[in-house]
N, C-alpha and C. Protein backbone atom coordinates (compact mmCIF):
# COMPACT_ATOMS: atom_id res chain seq x y z
N MET A 1 123.33 124.85 10.06
CA MET A 1 122.66 124.00 10.70
C MET A 1 121.47 123.58 11.10
N ALA A 2 120.92 122.54 10.55
CA ALA A 2 119.55 122.29 10.77
C ALA A 2 119.34 121.62 11.74
N LYS A 3 118.01 121.79 12.39
CA LYS A 3 117.21 120.81 13.18
C LYS A 3 115.89 119.91 12.93
N LYS A 4 115.56 118.80 13.34
CA LYS A 4 114.71 118.40 12.81
C LYS A 4 113.59 117.76 13.99
N ALA A 5 113.00 117.98 14.38
CA ALA A 5 112.10 117.53 15.79
C ALA A 5 110.70 117.04 15.06
N VAL A 6 110.40 115.88 15.57
CA VAL A 6 109.38 114.64 15.04
C VAL A 6 107.70 115.43 15.71
N ALA A 7 106.85 115.77 14.97
CA ALA A 7 105.35 116.08 15.83
C ALA A 7 104.71 114.70 14.86
N THR A 8 103.91 114.05 15.44
CA THR A 8 102.37 113.83 14.98
C THR A 8 101.34 113.77 15.23
N PHE A 9 100.36 114.08 14.48
CA PHE A 9 98.71 114.84 14.78
C PHE A 9 98.20 113.19 15.20
N ALA A 10 97.52 112.58 15.87
CA ALA A 10 97.35 111.67 16.55
C ALA A 10 95.13 111.37 16.33
N GLY A 11 95.02 112.33 15.77
CA GLY A 11 93.62 112.40 15.98
C GLY A 11 92.85 111.74 14.88
N ASP A 12 93.62 111.47 13.72
CA ASP A 12 93.07 110.36 12.44
C ASP A 12 93.26 108.82 12.52
N ARG A 13 92.91 108.31 12.10
CA ARG A 13 93.93 107.01 11.78
C ARG A 13 94.74 107.19 10.74
N ASN A 14 94.09 107.94 9.79
CA ASN A 14 94.82 108.41 8.49
C ASN A 14 95.89 109.67 8.73
N ALA A 15 96.26 109.94 9.60
CA ALA A 15 96.60 110.92 9.63
C ALA A 15 97.96 110.89 9.15
N ARG A 16 98.97 111.58 8.60
CA ARG A 16 100.56 111.64 8.07
C ARG A 16 101.38 111.91 9.28
N LYS A 17 102.54 111.86 9.59
CA LYS A 17 103.49 112.34 10.47
C LYS A 17 104.18 112.96 9.90
N PHE A 18 104.24 114.24 10.40
CA PHE A 18 104.88 115.57 10.39
C PHE A 18 106.32 115.78 10.86
N VAL A 19 107.05 116.25 10.76
CA VAL A 19 107.97 116.80 10.64
C VAL A 19 108.11 118.24 11.14
N LYS A 20 108.61 118.84 11.94
CA LYS A 20 109.07 120.51 12.11
C LYS A 20 110.36 120.60 11.76
N CYS A 21 110.69 121.52 11.07
CA CYS A 21 111.86 121.21 9.95
C CYS A 21 112.73 123.05 10.69
N ILE A 22 113.69 123.08 10.76
CA ILE A 22 113.99 124.67 11.54
C ILE A 22 115.42 124.62 10.37
N ARG A 23 115.34 125.54 9.55
CA ARG A 23 116.59 125.92 8.74
C ARG A 23 116.86 126.59 9.00
N MET A 24 118.42 127.51 8.80
CA MET A 24 118.88 128.82 8.75
C MET A 24 119.20 129.73 7.90
N GLU A 25 118.66 130.70 7.32
CA GLU A 25 119.13 131.44 5.90
C GLU A 25 119.56 132.74 6.16
N ARG A 26 120.17 133.11 5.29
CA ARG A 26 120.26 134.39 5.05
C ARG A 26 119.60 135.70 4.73
N SER A 27 119.65 136.64 5.06
CA SER A 27 118.88 137.61 4.42
C SER A 27 119.52 138.58 3.18
N GLY A 28 118.83 138.30 2.30
CA GLY A 28 119.55 139.04 0.46
C GLY A 28 119.61 140.67 1.29
N LYS A 29 119.04 141.01 1.85
CA LYS A 29 119.36 142.56 1.81
C LYS A 29 120.00 143.07 3.24
N THR A 30 119.70 142.43 4.40
CA THR A 30 120.88 143.28 5.52
C THR A 30 121.91 142.16 5.58
N GLY A 31 122.13 140.62 5.03
CA GLY A 31 123.08 139.76 5.25
C GLY A 31 122.62 138.96 6.91
N ALA A 32 122.18 139.26 7.31
CA ALA A 32 121.68 138.85 9.04
C ALA A 32 121.16 137.12 8.68
N TYR A 33 121.49 136.16 9.89
CA TYR A 33 120.60 135.04 9.30
C TYR A 33 119.43 135.23 10.46
N PHE A 34 118.39 134.21 9.63
CA PHE A 34 117.20 133.71 10.63
C PHE A 34 117.05 132.71 10.54
N PHE A 35 115.74 132.18 11.26
CA PHE A 35 115.59 130.45 11.16
C PHE A 35 114.28 130.80 10.59
N LYS A 36 113.55 129.64 10.52
CA LYS A 36 112.60 129.82 9.11
C LYS A 36 112.18 127.92 9.37
N GLU A 37 110.94 127.78 9.77
CA GLU A 37 110.58 126.78 10.74
C GLU A 37 109.51 126.20 9.82
N ASP A 38 109.02 124.77 9.42
CA ASP A 38 107.74 124.98 8.62
C ASP A 38 107.54 123.24 9.40
N LEU A 39 106.33 122.78 8.89
CA LEU A 39 105.40 121.70 8.82
C LEU A 39 105.61 120.97 8.00
N VAL A 40 106.72 119.94 7.59
CA VAL A 40 106.52 119.36 6.04
C VAL A 40 106.25 118.05 6.57
N PRO A 41 105.53 116.99 5.49
CA PRO A 41 105.50 115.54 5.66
C PRO A 41 107.08 115.01 5.91
N ALA A 42 107.02 113.87 6.49
CA ALA A 42 107.86 112.92 6.82
C ALA A 42 108.77 112.89 5.55
N GLU A 43 108.37 111.64 4.46
CA GLU A 43 108.60 111.64 3.36
C GLU A 43 109.45 112.95 2.72
N GLU A 44 109.34 114.09 2.87
CA GLU A 44 109.83 115.62 2.10
C GLU A 44 110.79 116.11 2.86
N ALA A 45 110.82 115.51 3.77
CA ALA A 45 112.10 116.20 4.72
C ALA A 45 113.70 116.88 4.25
N LYS A 46 113.66 115.61 3.55
CA LYS A 46 115.20 115.70 2.85
C LYS A 46 115.15 116.70 1.67
N ASP A 47 114.15 116.90 1.15
CA ASP A 47 113.66 117.69 0.09
C ASP A 47 113.96 118.63 0.19
N TYR A 48 113.32 119.43 1.79
CA TYR A 48 113.47 121.00 2.34
C TYR A 48 114.28 121.09 2.65
N PHE A 49 115.85 120.32 3.02
CA PHE A 49 117.11 120.88 3.28
C PHE A 49 117.68 121.17 1.89
N LYS A 50 117.47 120.13 0.86
CA LYS A 50 118.33 120.28 0.18
C LYS A 50 117.43 121.52 -0.76
N LYS A 51 116.97 122.49 -0.95
CA LYS A 51 116.78 123.43 -1.12
C LYS A 51 117.83 124.77 -0.92
């Protein structure tokens, strides 16, 4: 399961819109699951989840 929360930075007129992507991954060593959070540009959000 993945979550996507919208975050905008309004300090600049040309500010890019970013989204906070949270992806659940599995550790190769222990087999336990953990959550990985990243801020990525809105256009690249779909590519982030395809990895």
